[in-house]
Every structure is written in structure tokens, then in C-alpha cells.
């Protein structure tokens, strides 16, 4: 099970010592976790993920090259054609030298029409399911994970939305259920913060250790 820590800003180097698989940097200016500084020197094992909300393609391409991103997380209403063009443009720039993962986010409240996913199957590498709220992410509460019992795809997905230490028992139960079959990664953010973009290292350490212990 992979771990993604999102909303990085003030202490990414400290979080990187925990060796998460992905670190998320938010490039949506209204966010209290908006990232505009210098990208820290991170281990190559950690995938630098840029989080965007309905951004122009040129803006994403500029950030991909400036920060040498390994993944792009699309948190808005981006259409399948947009995702396809993004992947094609990146391939033309990088000439197959380094792939860019495209993660498309879908927000869930009480139910979800999984038919929406069909047109995204071939243009995204992963889906991410988050809680529908006032903001596109970082709302701090979970959706009903039993909705994912109806997940029809073989596309791996990230599970996100208000996951914290208080979610561990529920999360461990979910990961033992059929609904988690295609769950590829756990995405955490606001429940592990001392302030927006300032992560609580000790709590992240406890979360990761508990999750790994249960998975093993």
C-alpha cells in the first residue's frame, strides 16, 4: 500500500525522511497550502506530485518542467480530452525519458455514478476518490467508503478525504474488504497538520507504522 502526503509547504524535507511514496504540492492559488517556493531536494523514490484545479495546460507544463514533477493530480472538472492532451504534450517534451503519472480526482458524498469513469480509463494512470466539500480537497472529513463496493474498474485508485489517526480502525477494516481490491494508495493531508502546510511528523510516523504493521 502506497502513501501520499499532500498539501506540502513548510516542512517537506522532514516529511520526506518518512519515505512516503508521493508528496503533493498544491498549485491552486486560493488554497491555504499553495506552494510557490523552491522545490526541496527529495529522494528519487518519492514522486513529486503537482495538484491543479482546472488550470490551463500551459501552466501545468510549466510547473512540470520547473519542479520536475513525476505526477499531476487533476482536482477540478478536467475533461477526458484535456487529460489526453496533457499526456501527449508531456510525452512530446520528455521524449519518453520519464513518464508523468496523471491522477484524476473524483469527489464523493453519499453516492457516485461510476459510469463517469469510463471515458477517463485510457487517459489517466490512477483515479483518486475524495470527499465532496466546499473546497477541492483538504476538507478534513471522510465519505462513505462502502460506495466503493460498486467500483467497476481495474484502474488502481487513491483513497483520500479526511484520513487521520482516528481513521485507522476504519481504514484497516476497509483494506480487508473487497471494496479495497484496487486501492493503490492512501492520501493524507489536513488531519496531519499543525497548521496548513505544516505536517505533524510524529503523527505521520505513527500512522505509517500502524498501517505497515497491519498490512504485514
Protein backbone atom coordinates (compact mmCIF):
# COMPACT_ATOMS: atom_id res chain seq x y z
CA UNK A 1 0.00 0.00 0.00
CA UNK A 2 1.46 3.33 -1.11
CA UNK A 3 1.28 6.52 0.97
CA UNK A 4 0.83 10.04 -0.40
CA UNK A 5 1.20 13.08 1.86
CA UNK A 6 -0.44 16.08 0.23
CA UNK A 7 -0.50 19.81 0.90
CA UNK A 8 3.26 20.11 1.34
CA UNK A 9 4.63 23.55 2.07
CA UNK A 10 6.55 24.38 5.24
CA UNK A 11 8.38 21.14 6.15
CA UNK A 12 8.61 18.82 3.12
CA UNK A 13 12.17 17.73 3.96
CA UNK A 14 11.05 16.46 7.35
CA UNK A 15 8.13 14.57 5.82
CA UNK A 16 10.47 13.10 3.20
CA UNK A 17 12.50 11.40 5.94
CA UNK A 18 9.47 9.15 6.49
CA UNK A 19 9.82 7.93 2.89
CA UNK A 20 6.24 8.36 1.64
CA UNK A 21 5.75 7.26 -1.96
CA UNK A 22 4.25 10.59 -3.09
CA UNK A 23 4.45 14.18 -1.86
CA UNK A 24 1.74 16.52 -3.09
CA UNK A 25 2.38 20.22 -3.81
CA UNK A 26 -0.72 22.33 -4.41
CA UNK A 27 -0.57 24.82 -7.29
CA UNK A 28 -4.07 26.24 -6.83
CA UNK A 29 -3.64 29.77 -5.53
CA UNK A 30 -6.79 30.01 -3.35
CA UNK A 31 -5.53 27.10 -1.24
CA UNK A 32 -4.05 27.85 2.19
CA UNK A 33 -1.45 25.21 1.25
CA UNK A 34 -0.48 26.86 -2.06
CA UNK A 35 3.13 26.09 -2.93
CA UNK A 36 5.31 28.71 -4.60
CA UNK A 37 8.75 28.22 -3.09
CA UNK A 38 11.82 26.30 -4.15
CA UNK A 39 11.35 22.57 -4.55
CA UNK A 40 13.40 20.77 -1.89
CA UNK A 41 15.97 18.14 -2.81
CA UNK A 42 13.87 15.00 -2.39
CA UNK A 43 14.88 11.34 -2.70
CA UNK A 44 14.23 9.93 -6.18
CA UNK A 45 12.00 7.27 -4.62
CA UNK A 46 9.43 9.96 -3.72
CA UNK A 47 7.19 11.10 -6.57
CA UNK A 48 6.72 14.86 -6.70
CA UNK A 49 3.05 15.43 -7.39
CA UNK A 50 1.59 18.72 -8.56
CA UNK A 51 -2.04 19.33 -7.63
CA UNK A 52 -4.03 21.52 -10.05
CA UNK A 53 -7.64 22.70 -10.30
CA UNK A 54 -8.88 23.45 -13.84
CA UNK A 55 -5.51 25.00 -14.72
CA UNK A 56 -4.53 25.92 -18.29
CA UNK A 57 -2.39 23.21 -19.88
CA UNK A 58 0.48 25.63 -20.37
CA UNK A 59 0.54 26.37 -16.65
CA UNK A 60 0.76 22.68 -15.80
CA UNK A 61 3.50 22.08 -18.37
CA UNK A 62 5.49 25.00 -16.95
CA UNK A 63 5.22 23.65 -13.40
CA UNK A 64 6.06 20.10 -14.53
CA UNK A 65 9.34 21.29 -16.01
CA UNK A 66 10.17 23.88 -13.33
CA UNK A 67 9.69 21.46 -10.44
CA UNK A 68 10.47 18.23 -12.33
CA UNK A 69 7.16 16.71 -11.31
CA UNK A 70 6.60 12.96 -11.54
CA UNK A 71 2.80 13.11 -11.28
CA UNK A 72 -0.02 15.55 -11.87
CA UNK A 73 -3.23 15.40 -9.83
CA UNK A 74 -6.24 16.99 -11.53
CA UNK A 75 -8.72 18.15 -8.89
CA UNK A 76 -11.21 20.09 -11.00
CA UNK A 77 -13.63 19.37 -13.83
CA UNK A 78 -10.98 18.40 -16.35
CA UNK A 79 -12.47 16.51 -19.32
CA UNK A 80 -11.04 13.29 -20.78
CA UNK A 81 -9.78 15.20 -23.84
CA UNK A 82 -7.85 17.51 -21.51
CA UNK A 83 -6.19 14.54 -19.78
CA UNK A 84 -5.31 13.01 -23.14
CA UNK A 85 -3.75 16.21 -24.44
CA UNK A 86 -1.79 16.65 -21.22
CA UNK A 87 -0.26 13.18 -21.53
CA UNK A 88 0.56 13.71 -25.21
CA UNK A 89 2.18 17.09 -24.57
CA UNK A 90 4.30 15.70 -21.75
CA UNK A 91 5.45 12.77 -23.90
CA UNK A 92 6.47 15.15 -26.67
CA UNK A 93 8.52 17.23 -24.22
CA UNK A 94 10.17 14.40 -22.35
CA UNK A 95 10.56 12.05 -25.34
CA UNK A 96 9.76 9.02 -23.19
CA UNK A 97 12.67 9.81 -20.86
CA UNK A 98 10.48 9.97 -17.78
CA UNK A 99 6.80 9.19 -17.61
CA UNK A 100 4.36 11.56 -15.95
CA UNK A 101 1.55 9.94 -13.99
CA UNK A 102 -1.88 11.53 -14.35
CA UNK A 103 -4.19 11.16 -11.35
CA UNK A 104 -7.80 12.26 -11.89
CA UNK A 105 -9.79 13.17 -8.80
CA UNK A 106 -13.50 12.47 -8.31
CA UNK A 107 -15.39 13.72 -5.27
CA UNK A 108 -17.95 11.59 -3.45
CA UNK A 109 -20.56 12.44 -0.86
CA UNK A 110 -23.23 9.76 -0.36
CA UNK A 111 -23.18 8.08 -3.76
CA UNK A 112 -21.34 8.20 -7.07
CA UNK A 113 -22.08 7.42 -10.71
CA UNK A 114 -19.15 5.21 -11.67
CA UNK A 115 -20.20 5.41 -15.32
CA UNK A 116 -18.39 8.78 -15.38
CA UNK A 117 -15.08 6.94 -15.17
CA UNK A 118 -15.40 5.11 -18.47
CA UNK A 119 -14.13 7.95 -20.67
CA UNK A 120 -11.13 8.51 -18.36
CA UNK A 121 -9.91 4.91 -18.32
CA UNK A 122 -7.41 5.29 -21.16
CA UNK A 123 -6.20 8.83 -20.40
CA UNK A 124 -5.36 8.59 -16.68
CA UNK A 125 -2.99 6.36 -14.75
CA UNK A 126 -4.94 6.46 -11.49
CA UNK A 127 -8.20 7.71 -10.07
CA UNK A 128 -8.42 9.41 -6.67
CA UNK A 129 -11.61 9.45 -4.62
CA UNK A 130 -12.00 12.34 -2.21
CA UNK A 131 -14.81 13.78 -0.10
CA UNK A 132 -17.09 16.29 -1.80
CA UNK A 133 -16.91 19.55 0.16
CA UNK A 134 -16.70 23.32 -0.11
CA UNK A 135 -13.08 23.16 -1.30
CA UNK A 136 -11.43 20.83 -3.85
CA UNK A 137 -9.65 18.80 -1.18
CA UNK A 138 -8.40 19.36 2.37
CA UNK A 139 -11.91 19.45 3.83
CA UNK A 140 -10.99 17.12 6.68
CA UNK A 141 -13.80 14.56 6.65
CA UNK A 142 -14.40 11.20 5.03
CA UNK A 143 -17.02 9.94 2.63
CA UNK A 144 -18.83 6.61 2.92
CA UNK A 145 -16.19 4.14 1.69
CA UNK A 146 -18.81 1.43 1.19
CA UNK A 147 -19.69 3.29 -2.04
CA UNK A 148 -16.50 1.77 -3.46
CA UNK A 149 -18.02 -1.71 -3.21
CA UNK A 150 -19.58 -0.80 -6.58
CA UNK A 151 -16.24 0.20 -8.15
CA UNK A 152 -16.33 -1.42 -11.61
CA UNK A 153 -12.82 -0.69 -12.88
CA UNK A 154 -9.43 -2.39 -12.85
CA UNK A 155 -7.77 1.03 -12.63
CA UNK A 156 -5.89 1.43 -9.32
CA UNK A 157 -7.12 4.30 -7.16
CA UNK A 158 -6.01 6.55 -4.29
CA UNK A 159 -8.28 6.79 -1.24
CA UNK A 160 -8.44 10.31 0.19
CA UNK A 161 -10.62 12.59 2.29
CA UNK A 162 -10.17 13.32 5.99
CA UNK A 163 -8.00 10.29 6.80
CA UNK A 164 -6.18 10.64 10.13
CA UNK A 165 -5.10 8.67 13.18
CA UNK A 166 -8.75 8.48 14.23
CA UNK A 167 -9.45 6.67 10.94
CA UNK A 168 -7.02 3.80 11.50
CA UNK A 169 -9.51 1.17 12.69
CA UNK A 170 -11.98 2.05 9.96
CA UNK A 171 -9.21 2.12 7.38
CA UNK A 172 -7.82 -1.26 8.38
CA UNK A 173 -11.32 -2.72 8.11
CA UNK A 174 -11.76 -1.18 4.68
CA UNK A 175 -8.42 -2.54 3.46
CA UNK A 176 -9.56 -6.04 4.35
CA UNK A 177 -12.80 -5.65 2.39
CA UNK A 178 -13.47 -6.41 -1.30
CA UNK A 179 -14.06 -2.68 -1.88
CA UNK A 180 -10.33 -2.08 -1.44
CA UNK A 181 -9.20 -4.56 -4.10
CA UNK A 182 -7.98 -1.81 -6.46
CA UNK A 183 -6.91 0.60 -3.73
CA UNK A 184 -3.33 1.52 -4.61
CA UNK A 185 -2.54 4.33 -2.17
CA UNK A 186 -3.75 6.23 0.88
CA UNK A 187 -3.69 10.01 0.56
CA UNK A 188 -3.48 12.11 3.75
CA UNK A 189 -3.40 15.84 4.29
CA UNK A 190 -5.28 18.10 6.71
CA UNK A 191 -5.66 15.61 9.60
CA UNK A 192 -1.87 15.55 10.00
CA UNK A 193 -1.27 19.29 10.25
CA UNK A 194 -0.15 21.67 12.93
CA UNK A 195 -1.11 24.47 10.52
CA UNK A 196 -1.96 24.49 6.81
CA UNK A 197 1.05 23.01 5.01
CA UNK A 198 2.88 22.26 8.29
CA UNK A 199 2.76 18.50 8.86
CA UNK A 200 2.86 16.75 12.22
CA UNK A 201 5.82 14.40 11.74
CA UNK A 202 5.22 12.28 14.85
CA UNK A 203 1.60 11.62 13.92
CA UNK A 204 2.55 10.75 10.35
CA UNK A 205 5.19 8.38 11.70
CA UNK A 206 2.63 6.69 13.95
CA UNK A 207 0.13 6.40 11.10
CA UNK A 208 2.62 4.88 8.69
CA UNK A 209 3.97 2.40 11.26
CA UNK A 210 0.49 1.26 12.24
CA UNK A 211 -0.61 0.87 8.62
CA UNK A 212 2.53 -1.06 7.67
CA UNK A 213 2.25 -3.30 10.72
CA UNK A 214 -1.31 -4.23 9.85
CA UNK A 215 -0.54 -4.79 6.16
CA UNK A 216 2.35 -7.10 7.05
